[in-house]
């Protein structure tokens, strides 16, 4: 009886399997070159997108509150005026656009030029011919213009939109009226945020809580997002 007891006590305890200190990384990836690269990528991308990330964060809050729970920080002043056409009048929409650029002192070309052909409409129970309509528009983050002219009239209606600094920043957020360079720069910030989110999840360690808590946070936020989108339809 004593021999069997001593043999049991002499059994070596089973070696526990080592686990990675990083919840979402296997043990082989939780050290060495890969972990070093992941940490550096996360840090440098955070530094690259820090300034513009703050800009997009602030303007994102303003844009989210345009309708419900409005924050009246972004404002646009609208000025409408009528300009008399020169004599002789412009013969086509291209000449009209060129004349209006000089008249308004614009340094940019119109971004949108449209011509609507004459058409038959019903007016007071009678069929009448609506004259040709020219419309122009131009927008940059700070200011916008739109012009409308019914061919044959002696004047054109011009609307000017002056934006304050918050409206200006909102237009930067949406890349409205900006060139290709700004759009590509904004794309790099968006890509950086995606990589930061993914690398941040991988670097999320055991010290912050168990895997179940991590999964609960991820799927909980995703479920809330899907729920509110579904309620919007």
Protein backbone atom coordinates (compact mmCIF):
# COMPACT_ATOMS: atom_id res chain seq x y z
CA UNK A 1 0.00 0.00 0.00
CA UNK A 2 2.84 2.35 0.86
CA UNK A 3 4.62 1.57 -2.40
CA UNK A 4 1.59 2.57 -4.50
CA UNK A 5 1.22 5.80 -2.55
CA UNK A 6 4.82 6.74 -3.04
CA UNK A 7 4.64 6.02 -6.79
CA UNK A 8 1.66 8.36 -7.16
CA UNK A 9 3.41 11.11 -5.25
CA UNK A 10 6.49 10.74 -7.39
CA UNK A 11 4.60 11.47 -10.65
CA UNK A 12 5.74 14.68 -12.26
CA UNK A 13 3.07 17.34 -12.71
CA UNK A 14 1.96 17.84 -16.30
CA UNK A 15 3.60 20.78 -18.02
CA UNK A 16 1.09 23.54 -18.67
CA UNK A 17 0.75 24.71 -22.21
CA UNK A 18 2.09 28.23 -22.68
CA UNK A 19 -0.39 30.81 -23.89
CA UNK A 20 0.27 33.97 -25.79
CA UNK A 21 0.14 37.15 -23.67
CA UNK A 22 -1.78 38.73 -26.56
CA UNK A 23 -5.39 37.62 -26.78
CA UNK A 24 -5.69 37.70 -30.57
CA UNK A 25 -2.16 36.60 -31.49
CA UNK A 26 -0.81 33.04 -31.52
CA UNK A 27 2.19 32.34 -29.33
CA UNK A 28 4.60 32.19 -32.28
CA UNK A 29 3.57 35.71 -33.34
CA UNK A 30 3.55 37.28 -29.88
CA UNK A 31 7.31 37.86 -29.86
CA UNK A 32 10.14 38.53 -32.23
CA UNK A 33 10.07 40.32 -35.58
CA UNK A 34 6.32 40.23 -36.20
CA UNK A 35 5.40 41.79 -32.87
CA UNK A 36 8.09 44.44 -33.28
CA UNK A 37 6.77 45.29 -36.76
CA UNK A 38 3.16 45.40 -35.54
CA UNK A 39 3.99 47.78 -32.69
CA UNK A 40 5.99 50.10 -34.94
CA UNK A 41 3.27 50.13 -37.62
CA UNK A 42 0.62 50.97 -35.03
CA UNK A 43 2.76 53.78 -33.56
CA UNK A 44 3.85 55.40 -36.82
CA UNK A 45 0.38 55.28 -38.37
CA UNK A 46 -1.01 56.87 -35.23
CA UNK A 47 1.52 59.69 -35.52
CA UNK A 48 0.80 60.14 -39.25
CA UNK A 49 -2.94 60.44 -38.78
CA UNK A 50 -2.98 62.27 -35.44
CA UNK A 51 -3.56 65.86 -36.65
CA UNK A 52 -5.98 65.08 -39.45
CA UNK A 53 -7.57 62.41 -37.28
CA UNK A 54 -8.57 65.14 -34.81
CA UNK A 55 -9.92 67.22 -37.71
CA UNK A 56 -12.00 64.34 -39.05
CA UNK A 57 -13.17 63.46 -35.55
CA UNK A 58 -14.41 66.98 -34.74
CA UNK A 59 -16.07 67.49 -38.12
CA UNK A 60 -17.54 63.99 -37.94
CA UNK A 61 -19.34 64.98 -34.73
CA UNK A 62 -20.62 68.18 -36.39
CA UNK A 63 -21.83 66.27 -39.44
CA UNK A 64 -23.57 63.68 -37.26
CA UNK A 65 -25.53 66.50 -35.59
CA UNK A 66 -26.75 68.28 -38.73
CA UNK A 67 -30.34 67.09 -38.26
CA UNK A 68 -31.20 65.45 -34.95
CA UNK A 69 -29.59 67.00 -31.83
CA UNK A 70 -28.29 69.85 -33.94
CA UNK A 71 -25.05 71.66 -33.13
CA UNK A 72 -25.36 75.07 -34.77
CA UNK A 73 -21.64 75.65 -35.19
CA UNK A 74 -21.43 75.34 -38.97
CA UNK A 75 -23.24 78.21 -40.70
CA UNK A 76 -23.58 79.33 -44.31
CA UNK A 77 -24.69 82.83 -45.29
CA UNK A 78 -26.67 82.97 -48.53
CA UNK A 79 -26.67 86.09 -50.70
CA UNK A 80 -28.90 86.28 -53.78
CA UNK A 81 -28.66 88.98 -56.43
CA UNK A 82 -29.65 89.70 -60.00
CA UNK A 83 -27.12 90.73 -62.63
CA UNK A 84 -28.10 92.47 -65.86
CA UNK A 85 -26.75 90.78 -68.96
CA UNK A 86 -24.47 92.73 -71.34
CA UNK A 87 -25.57 93.93 -74.74
CA UNK A 88 -25.30 91.90 -76.89
CA UNK A 89 -26.26 88.93 -74.75
CA UNK A 90 -24.08 85.78 -74.70
CA UNK A 91 -24.97 83.50 -77.60
CA UNK A 92 -24.29 80.21 -75.82
CA UNK A 93 -23.71 78.80 -72.36
CA UNK A 94 -19.93 78.82 -72.76
CA UNK A 95 -19.93 82.57 -73.48
CA UNK A 96 -22.36 83.10 -70.59
CA UNK A 97 -20.07 81.18 -68.20
CA UNK A 98 -17.00 83.16 -69.31
CA UNK A 99 -18.82 86.50 -68.89
CA UNK A 100 -20.06 85.54 -65.42
CA UNK A 101 -16.58 84.48 -64.29
CA UNK A 102 -15.28 87.96 -65.15
CA UNK A 103 -18.32 89.67 -63.62
CA UNK A 104 -17.93 87.83 -60.31
CA UNK A 105 -14.13 88.00 -60.30
CA UNK A 106 -13.71 84.23 -60.09
CA UNK A 107 -10.30 82.60 -60.24
CA UNK A 108 -11.78 79.15 -60.85
CA UNK A 109 -13.80 77.67 -63.67
CA UNK A 110 -17.38 76.58 -63.13
CA UNK A 111 -17.37 72.98 -61.93
CA UNK A 112 -20.83 72.23 -63.31
CA UNK A 113 -22.36 73.67 -66.48
CA UNK A 114 -25.79 72.46 -67.62
CA UNK A 115 -28.11 73.45 -70.43
CA UNK A 116 -31.76 72.38 -70.40
CA UNK A 117 -33.42 72.39 -73.81
CA UNK A 118 -36.79 74.16 -74.37
CA UNK A 119 -39.76 71.94 -73.55
CA UNK A 120 -43.54 71.97 -73.51
CA UNK A 121 -45.16 72.41 -70.10
CA UNK A 122 -48.71 72.90 -68.86
CA UNK A 123 -49.41 76.39 -67.48
CA UNK A 124 -52.88 77.48 -66.43
CA UNK A 125 -54.46 74.68 -68.37
CA UNK A 126 -52.59 75.62 -71.54
CA UNK A 127 -49.53 74.18 -73.22
CA UNK A 128 -46.64 76.65 -73.36
CA UNK A 129 -43.01 76.38 -74.39
CA UNK A 130 -40.53 76.81 -71.56
CA UNK A 131 -37.37 78.56 -72.82
CA UNK A 132 -33.88 77.10 -72.61
CA UNK A 133 -32.38 77.18 -69.13
CA UNK A 134 -28.70 77.56 -68.29
CA UNK A 135 -27.39 76.69 -64.84
CA UNK A 136 -23.87 76.95 -63.45
CA UNK A 137 -22.36 76.02 -60.10
CA UNK A 138 -19.01 76.29 -58.39
CA UNK A 139 -18.04 75.25 -54.89
CA UNK A 140 -14.95 75.21 -52.73
CA UNK A 141 -14.72 74.68 -48.96
CA UNK A 142 -14.92 78.42 -48.20
CA UNK A 143 -17.44 79.69 -50.74
CA UNK A 144 -19.92 78.53 -53.35
CA UNK A 145 -21.78 80.07 -56.30
CA UNK A 146 -24.74 79.05 -58.40
CA UNK A 147 -26.27 80.91 -61.34
CA UNK A 148 -29.48 80.41 -63.31
CA UNK A 149 -30.51 82.04 -66.56
CA UNK A 150 -33.60 81.61 -68.70
CA UNK A 151 -32.57 82.40 -72.25
CA UNK A 152 -34.24 85.61 -73.40
CA UNK A 153 -34.33 87.32 -69.99
CA UNK A 154 -32.41 90.54 -69.40
CA UNK A 155 -30.91 89.33 -66.10
CA UNK A 156 -29.51 86.25 -64.38
CA UNK A 157 -29.95 85.15 -60.78
CA UNK A 158 -26.73 84.48 -58.84
CA UNK A 159 -26.55 82.93 -55.38
CA UNK A 160 -23.44 83.17 -53.22
CA UNK A 161 -22.80 80.92 -50.21
CA UNK A 162 -20.26 82.11 -47.62
CA UNK A 163 -19.25 79.52 -45.01
CA UNK A 164 -17.84 80.06 -41.54
CA UNK A 165 -14.82 78.13 -40.25
CA UNK A 166 -16.84 75.13 -39.05
CA UNK A 167 -18.71 74.84 -42.34
CA UNK A 168 -15.35 75.16 -44.07
CA UNK A 169 -13.96 72.24 -42.03
CA UNK A 170 -17.05 70.17 -42.79
CA UNK A 171 -16.45 70.66 -46.51
CA UNK A 172 -12.85 69.51 -46.00
CA UNK A 173 -14.19 66.40 -44.26
CA UNK A 174 -16.40 65.60 -47.26
CA UNK A 175 -13.66 66.62 -49.76
CA UNK A 176 -16.27 68.83 -51.41
CA UNK A 177 -14.73 71.20 -53.92
CA UNK A 178 -11.24 69.89 -53.21
CA UNK A 179 -8.68 68.63 -55.70
CA UNK A 180 -7.35 65.12 -56.25
CA UNK A 181 -4.38 65.70 -53.91
CA UNK A 182 -6.62 66.36 -50.88
CA UNK A 183 -8.87 63.41 -51.73
CA UNK A 184 -5.87 61.05 -51.87
CA UNK A 185 -4.51 62.49 -48.60
CA UNK A 186 -7.88 61.89 -46.92
CA UNK A 187 -7.82 58.33 -48.29
CA UNK A 188 -4.49 57.70 -46.54
CA UNK A 189 -5.99 58.86 -43.23
CA UNK A 190 -9.00 56.57 -43.70
CA UNK A 191 -6.69 53.66 -44.50
CA UNK A 192 -4.56 54.46 -41.46
CA UNK A 193 -7.61 54.36 -39.19
CA UNK A 194 -8.54 50.92 -40.53
CA UNK A 195 -5.03 49.55 -39.94
CA UNK A 196 -4.86 51.22 -36.50
CA UNK A 197 -8.12 49.53 -35.52
CA UNK A 198 -6.97 46.10 -36.71
CA UNK A 199 -3.49 46.36 -35.17
CA UNK A 200 -5.01 47.72 -31.95
CA UNK A 201 -7.23 44.63 -31.70
CA UNK A 202 -4.22 42.35 -32.23
CA UNK A 203 -2.23 44.19 -29.55
CA UNK A 204 -5.10 43.98 -27.05
CA UNK A 205 -3.53 41.98 -24.21
CA UNK A 206 -4.67 39.64 -21.51
CA UNK A 207 -4.18 42.45 -18.97
CA UNK A 208 -7.27 44.22 -20.27
CA UNK A 209 -9.63 41.32 -19.65
CA UNK A 210 -10.56 37.83 -20.83
CA UNK A 211 -11.32 36.79 -24.41
CA UNK A 212 -15.02 36.61 -23.61
CA UNK A 213 -15.06 40.28 -22.62
CA UNK A 214 -13.20 41.23 -25.82
CA UNK A 215 -15.64 39.29 -27.97
CA UNK A 216 -18.57 40.83 -26.08
CA UNK A 217 -17.33 44.37 -26.72
CA UNK A 218 -16.76 43.73 -30.43
CA UNK A 219 -20.06 42.00 -31.11
CA UNK A 220 -21.95 44.32 -28.78
CA UNK A 221 -20.88 47.45 -30.68
CA UNK A 222 -21.53 45.71 -34.00
CA UNK A 223 -25.01 44.63 -32.86
CA UNK A 224 -25.87 48.18 -31.74
CA UNK A 225 -24.71 49.60 -35.08
CA UNK A 226 -26.82 47.07 -37.04
CA UNK A 227 -29.82 47.73 -34.77
CA UNK A 228 -29.78 51.51 -35.27
CA UNK A 229 -29.26 51.16 -39.03
CA UNK A 230 -32.19 48.75 -39.18
CA UNK A 231 -34.37 51.16 -37.20
CA UNK A 232 -33.53 53.94 -39.69
CA UNK A 233 -35.21 52.05 -42.56
